[in-house]
Amino acid sequence: MAGYEALKDELAATDAKVVLAGSVDGEDKYPELGADLTFPVAVNMTREQGDSVGSWWEDRRSIIQPSEFIIRKDDSVASSTYSSGPIGRMEPEDAVKLIKLYASRE
């Protein structure tokens, strides 16, 4: 999440925004999750909430696995990335590149 925060100016230049980050961790972990972030972080997320945004829930550990979405202005999904662990997440730099690619096609 800190990587997206670090690129917030580049994201803003594309007219993109980080809308929400979420975690199953509680508020006691918030300093680790993003006290320095300018975008909201949902804490104590439940399976139902994860399902409502299309995330992948891992039953064994009761967590939401990394899920990233790029949403168009018309609210359709332009891109989605799912991982079964920390490797395979969409890197913030790649998200910026992908958003710029989609914008160039409009």
PDB file of N, CA and C in Angstrom:
ATOM      1  N   MET A   1       0.822  -1.189   0.000  1.00  0.00           N
ATOM      2  CA  MET A   1       0.000   0.000   0.000  1.00  0.00           C
ATOM      3  C   MET A   1       0.862   1.248   0.000  1.00  0.00           C
ATOM      4  N   ALA A   2       2.006   1.155   0.648  1.00  0.00           N
ATOM      5  CA  ALA A   2       2.909   2.306   0.677  1.00  0.00           C
ATOM      6  C   ALA A   2       3.411   2.639  -0.718  1.00  0.00           C
ATOM      7  N   GLY A   3       3.553   1.624  -1.565  1.00  0.00           N
ATOM      8  CA  GLY A   3       3.998   1.861  -2.931  1.00  0.00           C
ATOM      9  C   GLY A   3       3.005   2.696  -3.718  1.00  0.00           C
ATOM     10  N   TYR A   4       1.708   2.455  -3.512  1.00  0.00           N
ATOM     11  CA  TYR A   4       0.684   3.258  -4.175  1.00  0.00           C
ATOM     12  C   TYR A   4       0.697   4.677  -3.636  1.00  0.00           C
ATOM     13  N   GLU A   5       0.924   4.804  -2.347  1.00  0.00           N
ATOM     14  CA  GLU A   5       1.015   6.135  -1.745  1.00  0.00           C
ATOM     15  C   GLU A   5       2.191   6.899  -2.347  1.00  0.00           C
ATOM     16  N   ALA A   6       3.317   6.230  -2.520  1.00  0.00           N
ATOM     17  CA  ALA A   6       4.505   6.880  -3.074  1.00  0.00           C
ATOM     18  C   ALA A   6       4.270   7.362  -4.503  1.00  0.00           C
ATOM     19  N   LEU A   7       3.378   6.710  -5.230  1.00  0.00           N
ATOM     20  CA  LEU A   7       3.098   7.075  -6.627  1.00  0.00           C
ATOM     21  C   LEU A   7       1.807   7.866  -6.775  1.00  0.00           C
ATOM     22  N   LYS A   8       1.300   8.424  -5.674  1.00  0.00           N
ATOM     23  CA  LYS A   8      -0.001   9.093  -5.747  1.00  0.00           C
ATOM     24  C   LYS A   8      -0.008  10.245  -6.746  1.00  0.00           C
ATOM     25  N   ASP A   9       1.110  10.968  -6.898  1.00  0.00           N
ATOM     26  CA  ASP A   9       1.149  12.069  -7.864  1.00  0.00           C
ATOM     27  C   ASP A   9       1.090  11.542  -9.298  1.00  0.00           C
ATOM     28  N   GLU A  10       1.794  10.442  -9.560  1.00  0.00           N
ATOM     29  CA  GLU A  10       1.733   9.828 -10.896  1.00  0.00           C
ATOM     30  C   GLU A  10       0.328   9.300 -11.178  1.00  0.00           C
ATOM     31  N   LEU A  11      -0.294   8.703 -10.174  1.00  0.00           N
ATOM     32  CA  LEU A  11      -1.666   8.232 -10.335  1.00  0.00           C
ATOM     33  C   LEU A  11      -2.606   9.400 -10.588  1.00  0.00           C
ATOM     34  N   ALA A  12      -2.439  10.478  -9.839  1.00  0.00           N
ATOM     35  CA  ALA A  12      -3.289  11.653 -10.019  1.00  0.00           C
ATOM     36  C   ALA A  12      -3.131  12.237 -11.419  1.00  0.00           C
ATOM     37  N   ALA A  13      -1.919  12.195 -11.962  1.00  0.00           N
ATOM     38  CA  ALA A  13      -1.675  12.712 -13.309  1.00  0.00           C
ATOM     39  C   ALA A  13      -2.435  11.917 -14.364  1.00  0.00           C
ATOM     40  N   THR A  14      -2.779  10.673 -14.053  1.00  0.00           N
ATOM     41  CA  THR A  14      -3.562   9.850 -14.980  1.00  0.00           C
ATOM     42  C   THR A  14      -5.047   9.969 -14.695  1.00  0.00           C
ATOM     43  N   ASP A  15      -5.407  10.785 -13.717  1.00  0.00           N
ATOM     44  CA  ASP A  15      -6.787  10.950 -13.249  1.00  0.00           C
ATOM     45  C   ASP A  15      -7.273   9.707 -12.517  1.00  0.00           C
ATOM     46  N   ALA A  16      -6.318   8.902 -12.020  1.00  0.00           N
ATOM     47  CA  ALA A  16      -6.653   7.690 -11.275  1.00  0.00           C
ATOM     48  C   ALA A  16      -6.542   7.961  -9.784  1.00  0.00           C
ATOM     49  N   LYS A  17      -7.277   7.181  -9.034  1.00  0.00           N
ATOM     50  CA  LYS A  17      -7.252   7.309  -7.585  1.00  0.00           C
ATOM     51  C   LYS A  17      -7.184   5.925  -6.965  1.00  0.00           C
ATOM     52  N   VAL A  18      -6.477   5.816  -5.855  1.00  0.00           N
ATOM     53  CA  VAL A  18      -6.563   4.610  -5.043  1.00  0.00           C
ATOM     54  C   VAL A  18      -7.802   4.819  -4.184  1.00  0.00           C
ATOM     55  N   VAL A  19      -8.796   3.984  -4.396  1.00  0.00           N
ATOM     56  CA  VAL A  19     -10.065   4.192  -3.725  1.00  0.00           C
ATOM     57  C   VAL A  19     -10.080   3.551  -2.351  1.00  0.00           C
ATOM     58  N   LEU A  20      -9.545   2.335  -2.245  1.00  0.00           N
ATOM     59  CA  LEU A  20      -9.670   1.618  -0.984  1.00  0.00           C
ATOM     60  C   LEU A  20      -8.643   0.504  -0.904  1.00  0.00           C
ATOM     61  N   ALA A  21      -8.146   0.302   0.266  1.00  0.00           N
ATOM     62  CA  ALA A  21      -7.345  -0.878   0.576  1.00  0.00           C
ATOM     63  C   ALA A  21      -8.066  -1.582   1.714  1.00  0.00           C
ATOM     64  N   GLY A  22      -7.932  -2.890   1.796  1.00  0.00           N
ATOM     65  CA  GLY A  22      -8.631  -3.611   2.848  1.00  0.00           C
ATOM     66  C   GLY A  22      -7.783  -4.698   3.457  1.00  0.00           C
ATOM     67  N   SER A  23      -8.086  -5.014   4.699  1.00  0.00           N
ATOM     68  CA  SER A  23      -7.346  -6.037   5.425  1.00  0.00           C
ATOM     69  C   SER A  23      -8.277  -6.713   6.436  1.00  0.00           C
ATOM     70  N   VAL A  24      -7.990  -7.975   6.692  1.00  0.00           N
ATOM     71  CA  VAL A  24      -8.720  -8.680   7.744  1.00  0.00           C
ATOM     72  C   VAL A  24      -8.179  -8.313   9.116  1.00  0.00           C
ATOM     73  N   ASP A  25      -7.008  -7.667   9.152  1.00  0.00           N
ATOM     74  CA  ASP A  25      -6.435  -7.245  10.423  1.00  0.00           C
ATOM     75  C   ASP A  25      -7.284  -6.153  11.047  1.00  0.00           C
ATOM     76  N   GLY A  26      -7.166  -6.044  12.369  1.00  0.00           N
ATOM     77  CA  GLY A  26      -7.928  -5.050  13.108  1.00  0.00           C
ATOM     78  C   GLY A  26      -7.227  -3.715  13.212  1.00  0.00           C
ATOM     79  N   GLU A  27      -7.900  -2.771  13.842  1.00  0.00           N
ATOM     80  CA  GLU A  27      -7.353  -1.428  13.997  1.00  0.00           C
ATOM     81  C   GLU A  27      -6.048  -1.421  14.777  1.00  0.00           C
ATOM     82  N   ASP A  28      -5.822  -2.435  15.616  1.00  0.00           N
ATOM     83  CA  ASP A  28      -4.567  -2.495  16.363  1.00  0.00           C
ATOM     84  C   ASP A  28      -3.376  -2.624  15.423  1.00  0.00           C
ATOM     85  N   LYS A  29      -3.603  -3.112  14.203  1.00  0.00           N
ATOM     86  CA  LYS A  29      -2.531  -3.245  13.209  1.00  0.00           C
ATOM     87  C   LYS A  29      -2.471  -2.043  12.272  1.00  0.00           C
ATOM     88  N   TYR A  30      -3.341  -1.069  12.475  1.00  0.00           N
ATOM     89  CA  TYR A  30      -3.425   0.047  11.536  1.00  0.00           C
ATOM     90  C   TYR A  30      -2.110   0.778  11.331  1.00  0.00           C
ATOM     91  N   PRO A  31      -1.320   1.012  12.369  1.00  0.00           N
ATOM     92  CA  PRO A  31      -0.031   1.678  12.099  1.00  0.00           C
ATOM     93  C   PRO A  31       0.806   0.923  11.064  1.00  0.00           C
ATOM     94  N   GLU A  32       0.743  -0.390  11.091  1.00  0.00           N
ATOM     95  CA  GLU A  32       1.468  -1.186  10.103  1.00  0.00           C
ATOM     96  C   GLU A  32       0.761  -1.161   8.747  1.00  0.00           C
ATOM     97  N   LEU A  33      -0.573  -1.060   8.777  1.00  0.00           N
ATOM     98  CA  LEU A  33      -1.356  -1.123   7.542  1.00  0.00           C
ATOM     99  C   LEU A  33      -1.334   0.167   6.751  1.00  0.00           C
ATOM    100  N   GLY A  34      -1.247   1.281   7.415  1.00  0.00           N
ATOM    101  CA  GLY A  34      -1.253   2.485   6.604  1.00  0.00           C
ATOM    102  C   GLY A  34      -1.597   3.774   7.287  1.00  0.00           C
ATOM    103  N   ALA A  35      -1.108   3.995   8.464  1.00  0.00           N
ATOM    104  CA  ALA A  35      -1.395   5.249   9.143  1.00  0.00           C
ATOM    105  C   ALA A  35      -0.918   6.439   8.323  1.00  0.00           C
ATOM    106  N   ASP A  36       0.063   6.239   7.439  1.00  0.00           N
ATOM    107  CA  ASP A  36       0.591   7.331   6.629  1.00  0.00           C
ATOM    108  C   ASP A  36      -0.025   7.383   5.234  1.00  0.00           C
ATOM    109  N   LEU A  37      -1.106   6.677   5.016  1.00  0.00           N
ATOM    110  CA  LEU A  37      -1.743   6.657   3.702  1.00  0.00           C
ATOM    111  C   LEU A  37      -2.788   7.756   3.595  1.00  0.00           C
ATOM    112  N   THR A  38      -2.957   8.283   2.385  1.00  0.00           N
ATOM    113  CA  THR A  38      -3.984   9.303   2.163  1.00  0.00           C
ATOM    114  C   THR A  38      -5.265   8.696   1.600  1.00  0.00           C
ATOM    115  N   PHE A  39      -5.285   7.395   1.401  1.00  0.00           N
ATOM    116  CA  PHE A  39      -6.503   6.729   0.945  1.00  0.00           C
ATOM    117  C   PHE A  39      -7.010   5.825   2.067  1.00  0.00           C
ATOM    118  N   PRO A  40      -8.304   5.512   2.056  1.00  0.00           N
ATOM    119  CA  PRO A  40      -8.870   4.736   3.159  1.00  0.00           C
ATOM    120  C   PRO A  40      -8.429   3.281   3.174  1.00  0.00           C
ATOM    121  N   VAL A  41      -8.325   2.739   4.372  1.00  0.00           N
ATOM    122  CA  VAL A  41      -8.019   1.332   4.581  1.00  0.00           C
ATOM    123  C   VAL A  41      -9.158   0.735   5.411  1.00  0.00           C
ATOM    124  N   ALA A  42      -9.827  -0.252   4.843  1.00  0.00           N
ATOM    125  CA  ALA A  42     -10.873  -0.962   5.582  1.00  0.00           C
ATOM    126  C   ALA A  42     -10.189  -2.011   6.444  1.00  0.00           C
ATOM    127  N   VAL A  43     -10.531  -2.050   7.713  1.00  0.00           N
ATOM    128  CA  VAL A  43      -9.959  -3.038   8.621  1.00  0.00           C
ATOM    129  C   VAL A  43     -11.057  -3.996   9.072  1.00  0.00           C
ATOM    130  N   ASN A  44     -10.641  -5.124   9.601  1.00  0.00           N
ATOM    131  CA  ASN A  44     -11.581  -6.150  10.067  1.00  0.00           C
ATOM    132  C   ASN A  44     -12.517  -6.616   8.955  1.00  0.00           C
ATOM    133  N   MET A  45     -11.999  -6.704   7.732  1.00  0.00           N
ATOM    134  CA  MET A  45     -12.863  -7.131   6.630  1.00  0.00           C
ATOM    135  C   MET A  45     -13.301  -8.580   6.827  1.00  0.00           C
ATOM    136  N   THR A  46     -14.535  -8.833   6.491  1.00  0.00           N
ATOM    137  CA  THR A  46     -15.116 -10.170   6.609  1.00  0.00           C
ATOM    138  C   THR A  46     -15.120 -10.841   5.245  1.00  0.00           C
ATOM    139  N   ARG A  47     -15.388 -12.122   5.256  1.00  0.00           N
ATOM    140  CA  ARG A  47     -15.492 -12.848   3.992  1.00  0.00           C
ATOM    141  C   ARG A  47     -16.578 -12.240   3.113  1.00  0.00           C
ATOM    142  N   GLU A  48     -17.700 -11.901   3.707  1.00  0.00           N
ATOM    143  CA  GLU A  48     -18.807 -11.321   2.941  1.00  0.00           C
ATOM    144  C   GLU A  48     -18.379 -10.013   2.270  1.00  0.00           C
ATOM    145  N   GLN A  49     -17.623  -9.194   2.995  1.00  0.00           N
ATOM    146  CA  GLN A  49     -17.152  -7.947   2.401  1.00  0.00           C
ATOM    147  C   GLN A  49     -16.145  -8.228   1.283  1.00  0.00           C
ATOM    148  N   GLY A  50     -15.258  -9.181   1.501  1.00  0.00           N
ATOM    149  CA  GLY A  50     -14.315  -9.559   0.453  1.00  0.00           C
ATOM    150  C   GLY A  50     -15.033 -10.069  -0.778  1.00  0.00           C
ATOM    151  N   ASP A  51     -16.047 -10.903  -0.554  1.00  0.00           N
ATOM    152  CA  ASP A  51     -16.841 -11.426  -1.675  1.00  0.00           C
ATOM    153  C   ASP A  51     -17.541 -10.293  -2.427  1.00  0.00           C
ATOM    154  N   SER A  52     -17.992  -9.287  -1.695  1.00  0.00           N
ATOM    155  CA  SER A  52     -18.746  -8.204  -2.333  1.00  0.00           C
ATOM    156  C   SER A  52     -17.888  -7.380  -3.282  1.00  0.00           C
ATOM    157  N   VAL A  53     -16.574  -7.369  -3.073  1.00  0.00           N
ATOM    158  CA  VAL A  53     -15.695  -6.639  -3.992  1.00  0.00           C
ATOM    159  C   VAL A  53     -14.942  -7.575  -4.928  1.00  0.00           C
ATOM    160  N   GLY A  54     -15.229  -8.864  -4.857  1.00  0.00           N
ATOM    161  CA  GLY A  54     -14.638  -9.817  -5.782  1.00  0.00           C
ATOM    162  C   GLY A  54     -13.280 -10.352  -5.381  1.00  0.00           C
ATOM    163  N   SER A  55     -12.915 -10.222  -4.124  1.00  0.00           N
ATOM    164  CA  SER A  55     -11.624 -10.737  -3.670  1.00  0.00           C
ATOM    165  C   SER A  55     -11.682 -12.238  -3.458  1.00  0.00           C
ATOM    166  N   TRP A  56     -10.517 -12.829  -3.372  1.00  0.00           N
ATOM    167  CA  TRP A  56     -10.400 -14.268  -3.157  1.00  0.00           C
ATOM    168  C   TRP A  56     -10.144 -14.512  -1.681  1.00  0.00           C
ATOM    169  N   TRP A  57     -11.021 -15.226  -1.057  1.00  0.00           N
ATOM    170  CA  TRP A  57     -10.929 -15.540   0.364  1.00  0.00           C
ATOM    171  C   TRP A  57     -10.214 -16.878   0.535  1.00  0.00           C
ATOM    172  N   GLU A  58      -9.241 -16.919   1.435  1.00  0.00           N
ATOM    173  CA  GLU A  58      -8.556 -18.164   1.749  1.00  0.00           C
ATOM    174  C   GLU A  58      -9.137 -18.722   3.037  1.00  0.00           C
ATOM    175  N   ASP A  59      -9.808 -19.860   2.927  1.00  0.00           N
ATOM    176  CA  ASP A  59     -10.470 -20.469   4.079  1.00  0.00           C
ATOM    177  C   ASP A  59      -9.496 -20.911   5.169  1.00  0.00           C
ATOM    178  N   ARG A  60      -8.372 -21.478   4.774  1.00  0.00           N
ATOM    179  CA  ARG A  60      -7.446 -22.047   5.761  1.00  0.00           C
ATOM    180  C   ARG A  60      -6.995 -21.023   6.797  1.00  0.00           C
ATOM    181  N   ARG A  61      -6.664 -19.811   6.342  1.00  0.00           N
ATOM    182  CA  ARG A  61      -6.190 -18.780   7.266  1.00  0.00           C
ATOM    183  C   ARG A  61      -7.220 -17.682   7.523  1.00  0.00           C
ATOM    184  N   SER A  62      -8.383 -17.799   6.905  1.00  0.00           N
ATOM    185  CA  SER A  62      -9.441 -16.782   7.033  1.00  0.00           C
ATOM    186  C   SER A  62      -8.930 -15.385   6.690  1.00  0.00           C
ATOM    187  N   ILE A  63      -8.345 -15.276   5.492  1.00  0.00           N
ATOM    188  CA  ILE A  63      -7.838 -13.982   5.035  1.00  0.00           C
ATOM    189  C   ILE A  63      -8.258 -13.731   3.597  1.00  0.00           C
ATOM    190  N   ILE A  64      -8.210 -12.474   3.232  1.00  0.00           N
ATOM    191  CA  ILE A  64      -8.389 -12.087   1.836  1.00  0.00           C
ATOM    192  C   ILE A  64      -7.010 -12.122   1.199  1.00  0.00           C
ATOM    193  N   GLN A  65      -6.891 -12.856   0.117  1.00  0.00           N
ATOM    194  CA  GLN A  65      -5.618 -12.882  -0.613  1.00  0.00           C
ATOM    195  C   GLN A  65      -5.494 -11.596  -1.434  1.00  0.00           C
ATOM    196  N   PRO A  66      -4.263 -11.233  -1.813  1.00  0.00           N
ATOM    197  CA  PRO A  66      -4.074 -10.006  -2.580  1.00  0.00           C
ATOM    198  C   PRO A  66      -4.948  -9.982  -3.833  1.00  0.00           C
ATOM    199  N   SER A  67      -5.666  -8.908  -3.981  1.00  0.00           N
ATOM    200  CA  SER A  67      -6.555  -8.704  -5.121  1.00  0.00           C
ATOM    201  C   SER A  67      -6.481  -7.236  -5.502  1.00  0.00           C
ATOM    202  N   GLU A  68      -6.156  -6.964  -6.737  1.00  0.00           N
ATOM    203  CA  GLU A  68      -6.099  -5.585  -7.198  1.00  0.00           C
ATOM    204  C   GLU A  68      -7.035  -5.421  -8.378  1.00  0.00           C
ATOM    205  N   PHE A  69      -7.691  -4.287  -8.408  1.00  0.00           N
ATOM    206  CA  PHE A  69      -8.651  -4.006  -9.478  1.00  0.00           C
ATOM    207  C   PHE A  69      -8.406  -2.613 -10.020  1.00  0.00           C
ATOM    208  N   ILE A  70      -8.458  -2.477 -11.334  1.00  0.00           N
ATOM    209  CA  ILE A  70      -8.472  -1.169 -11.976  1.00  0.00           C
ATOM    210  C   ILE A  70      -9.872  -1.017 -12.544  1.00  0.00           C
ATOM    211  N   ILE A  71     -10.550  -0.002 -12.059  1.00  0.00           N
ATOM    212  CA  ILE A  71     -11.951   0.230 -12.418  1.00  0.00           C
ATOM    213  C   ILE A  71     -12.026   1.443 -13.339  1.00  0.00           C
ATOM    214  N   ARG A  72     -12.756   1.283 -14.446  1.00  0.00           N
ATOM    215  CA  ARG A  72     -12.946   2.400 -15.371  1.00  0.00           C
ATOM    216  C   ARG A  72     -13.925   3.415 -14.781  1.00  0.00           C
ATOM    217  N   LYS A  73     -13.994   4.559 -15.416  1.00  0.00           N
ATOM    218  CA  LYS A  73     -14.913   5.609 -14.961  1.00  0.00           C
ATOM    219  C   LYS A  73     -16.363   5.166 -15.016  1.00  0.00           C
ATOM    220  N   ASP A  74     -16.684   4.210 -15.903  1.00  0.00           N
ATOM    221  CA  ASP A  74     -18.060   3.723 -15.990  1.00  0.00           C
ATOM    222  C   ASP A  74     -18.329   2.578 -15.005  1.00  0.00           C
ATOM    223  N   ASP A  75     -17.391   2.360 -14.073  1.00  0.00           N
ATOM    224  CA  ASP A  75     -17.468   1.341 -13.018  1.00  0.00           C
ATOM    225  C   ASP A  75     -17.263  -0.090 -13.505  1.00  0.00           C
ATOM    226  N   SER A  76     -16.877  -0.285 -14.757  1.00  0.00           N
ATOM    227  CA  SER A  76     -16.556  -1.635 -15.210  1.00  0.00           C
ATOM    228  C   SER A  76     -15.106  -1.952 -14.844  1.00  0.00           C
ATOM    229  N   VAL A  77     -14.799  -3.236 -14.766  1.00  0.00           N
ATOM    230  CA  VAL A  77     -13.456  -3.665 -14.395  1.00  0.00           C
ATOM    231  C   VAL A  77     -12.574  -3.693 -15.637  1.00  0.00           C
ATOM    232  N   ALA A  78     -11.516  -2.895 -15.612  1.00  0.00           N
ATOM    233  CA  ALA A  78     -10.561  -2.874 -16.719  1.00  0.00           C
ATOM    234  C   ALA A  78      -9.531  -3.975 -16.541  1.00  0.00           C
ATOM    235  N   SER A  79      -9.148  -4.245 -15.295  1.00  0.00           N
ATOM    236  CA  SER A  79      -8.135  -5.245 -15.011  1.00  0.00           C
ATOM    237  C   SER A  79      -8.330  -5.747 -13.584  1.00  0.00           C
ATOM    238  N   SER A  80      -8.045  -7.024 -13.394  1.00  0.00           N
ATOM    239  CA  SER A  80      -8.062  -7.588 -12.041  1.00  0.00           C
ATOM    240  C   SER A  80      -6.892  -8.550 -11.915  1.00  0.00           C
ATOM    241  N   THR A  81      -6.294  -8.550 -10.735  1.00  0.00           N
ATOM    242  CA  THR A  81      -5.157  -9.419 -10.453  1.00  0.00           C
ATOM    243  C   THR A  81      -5.420 -10.108  -9.125  1.00  0.00           C
ATOM    244  N   TYR A  82      -5.233 -11.414  -9.106  1.00  0.00           N
ATOM    245  CA  TYR A  82      -5.426 -12.201  -7.895  1.00  0.00           C
ATOM    246  C   TYR A  82      -4.152 -12.990  -7.623  1.00  0.00           C
ATOM    247  N   SER A  83      -3.783 -13.089  -6.371  1.00  0.00           N
ATOM    248  CA  SER A  83      -2.604 -13.853  -5.986  1.00  0.00           C
ATOM    249  C   SER A  83      -2.982 -14.809  -4.865  1.00  0.00           C
ATOM    250  N   SER A  84      -2.225 -15.872  -4.752  1.00  0.00           N
ATOM    251  CA  SER A  84      -2.440 -16.795  -3.640  1.00  0.00           C
ATOM    252  C   SER A  84      -1.383 -16.581  -2.565  1.00  0.00           C
ATOM    253  N   GLY A  85      -0.694 -15.460  -2.640  1.00  0.00           N
ATOM    254  CA  GLY A  85       0.334 -15.097  -1.672  1.00  0.00           C
ATOM    255  C   GLY A  85       0.948 -13.778  -2.056  1.00  0.00           C
ATOM    256  N   PRO A  86       2.010 -13.379  -1.406  1.00  0.00           N
ATOM    257  CA  PRO A  86       2.581 -12.059  -1.663  1.00  0.00           C
ATOM    258  C   PRO A  86       3.221 -11.905  -3.034  1.00  0.00           C
ATOM    259  N   ILE A  87       3.629 -12.998  -3.676  1.00  0.00           N
ATOM    260  CA  ILE A  87       4.215 -12.904  -5.009  1.00  0.00           C
ATOM    261  C   ILE A  87       3.091 -12.923  -6.033  1.00  0.00           C
ATOM    262  N   GLY A  88       3.194 -12.047  -7.002  1.00  0.00           N
ATOM    263  CA  GLY A  88       2.177 -11.970  -8.037  1.00  0.00           C
ATOM    264  C   GLY A  88       1.250 -10.782  -7.885  1.00  0.00           C
ATOM    265  N   ARG A  89       1.477  -9.976  -6.867  1.00  0.00           N
ATOM    266  CA  ARG A  89       0.677  -8.766  -6.715  1.00  0.00           C
ATOM    267  C   ARG A  89       1.012  -7.792  -7.833  1.00  0.00           C
ATOM    268  N   MET A  90       0.040  -6.960  -8.172  1.00  0.00           N
ATOM    269  CA  MET A  90       0.290  -5.911  -9.148  1.00  0.00           C
ATOM    270  C   MET A  90       1.128  -4.833  -8.464  1.00  0.00           C
ATOM    271  N   GLU A  91       2.287  -4.589  -8.997  1.00  0.00           N
ATOM    272  CA  GLU A  91       3.155  -3.557  -8.445  1.00  0.00           C
ATOM    273  C   GLU A  91       2.598  -2.182  -8.811  1.00  0.00           C
ATOM    274  N   PRO A  92       2.739  -1.213  -7.932  1.00  0.00           N
ATOM    275  CA  PRO A  92       2.200   0.125  -8.217  1.00  0.00           C
ATOM    276  C   PRO A  92       2.699   0.706  -9.542  1.00  0.00           C
ATOM    277  N   GLU A  93       3.976   0.505  -9.851  1.00  0.00           N
ATOM    278  CA  GLU A  93       4.520   1.010 -11.108  1.00  0.00           C
ATOM    279  C   GLU A  93       3.812   0.379 -12.304  1.00  0.00           C
ATOM    280  N   ASP A  94       3.502  -0.922 -12.206  1.00  0.00           N
ATOM    281  CA  ASP A  94       2.793  -1.616 -13.277  1.00  0.00           C
ATOM    282  C   ASP A  94       1.357  -1.114 -13.395  1.00  0.00           C
ATOM    283  N   ALA A  95       0.744  -0.805 -12.271  1.00  0.00           N
ATOM    284  CA  ALA A  95      -0.615  -0.265 -12.296  1.00  0.00           C
ATOM    285  C   ALA A  95      -0.630   1.071 -13.039  1.00  0.00           C
ATOM    286  N   VAL A  96       0.339   1.928 -12.755  1.00  0.00           N
ATOM    287  CA  VAL A  96       0.413   3.217 -13.452  1.00  0.00           C
ATOM    288  C   VAL A  96       0.579   3.000 -14.950  1.00  0.00           C
ATOM    289  N   LYS A  97       1.467   2.095 -15.349  1.00  0.00           N
ATOM    290  CA  LYS A  97       1.680   1.806 -16.775  1.00  0.00           C
ATOM    291  C   LYS A  97       0.396   1.299 -17.429  1.00  0.00           C
ATOM    292  N   LEU A  98      -0.293   0.408 -16.730  1.00  0.00           N
ATOM    293  CA  LEU A  98      -1.519  -0.156 -17.278  1.00  0.00           C
ATOM    294  C   LEU A  98      -2.613   0.905 -17.400  1.00  0.00           C
ATOM    295  N   ILE A  99      -2.732   1.760 -16.408  1.00  0.00           N
ATOM    296  CA  ILE A  99      -3.726   2.841 -16.467  1.00  0.00           C
ATOM    297  C   ILE A  99      -3.415   3.772 -17.635  1.00  0.00           C
ATOM    298  N   LYS A 100      -2.150   4.087 -17.831  1.00  0.00           N
ATOM    299  CA  LYS A 100      -1.764   4.949 -18.960  1.00  0.00           C
ATOM    300  C   LYS A 100      -2.068   4.262 -20.285  1.00  0.00           C
ATOM    301  N   LEU A 101      -1.840   2.954 -20.368  1.00  0.00           N
ATOM    302  CA  LEU A 101      -2.162   2.218 -21.592  1.00  0.00           C
ATOM    303  C   LEU A 101      -3.653   2.284 -21.881  1.00  0.00           C
ATOM    304  N   TYR A 102      -4.467   2.012 -20.874  1.00  0.00           N
ATOM    305  CA  TYR A 102      -5.920   2.069 -21.080  1.00  0.00           C
ATOM    306  C   TYR A 102      -6.371   3.473 -21.469  1.00  0.00           C
ATOM    307  N   ALA A 103      -5.786   4.484 -20.840  1.00  0.00           N
ATOM    308  CA  ALA A 103      -6.151   5.873 -21.160  1.00  0.00           C
ATOM    309  C   ALA A 103      -5.795   6.224 -22.607  1.00  0.00           C
ATOM    310  N   SER A 104      -4.672   5.675 -23.097  1.00  0.00           N
ATOM    311  CA  SER A 104      -4.265   5.968 -24.474  1.00  0.00           C
ATOM    312  C   SER A 104      -5.199   5.331 -25.490  1.00  0.00           C
ATOM    313  N   ARG A 105      -5.966   4.365 -25.076  1.00  0.00           N
ATOM    314  CA  ARG A 105      -6.892   3.666 -25.979  1.00  0.00           C
ATOM    315  C   ARG A 105      -8.287   4.291 -25.995  1.00  0.00           C
ATOM    316  N   GLU A 106      -8.518   5.223 -25.112  1.00  0.00           N
ATOM    317  CA  GLU A 106      -9.857   5.842 -25.038  1.00  0.00           C
ATOM    318  C   GLU A 106     -10.070   6.837 -26.143  1.00  0.00           C
TER     319      GLU A 106
END
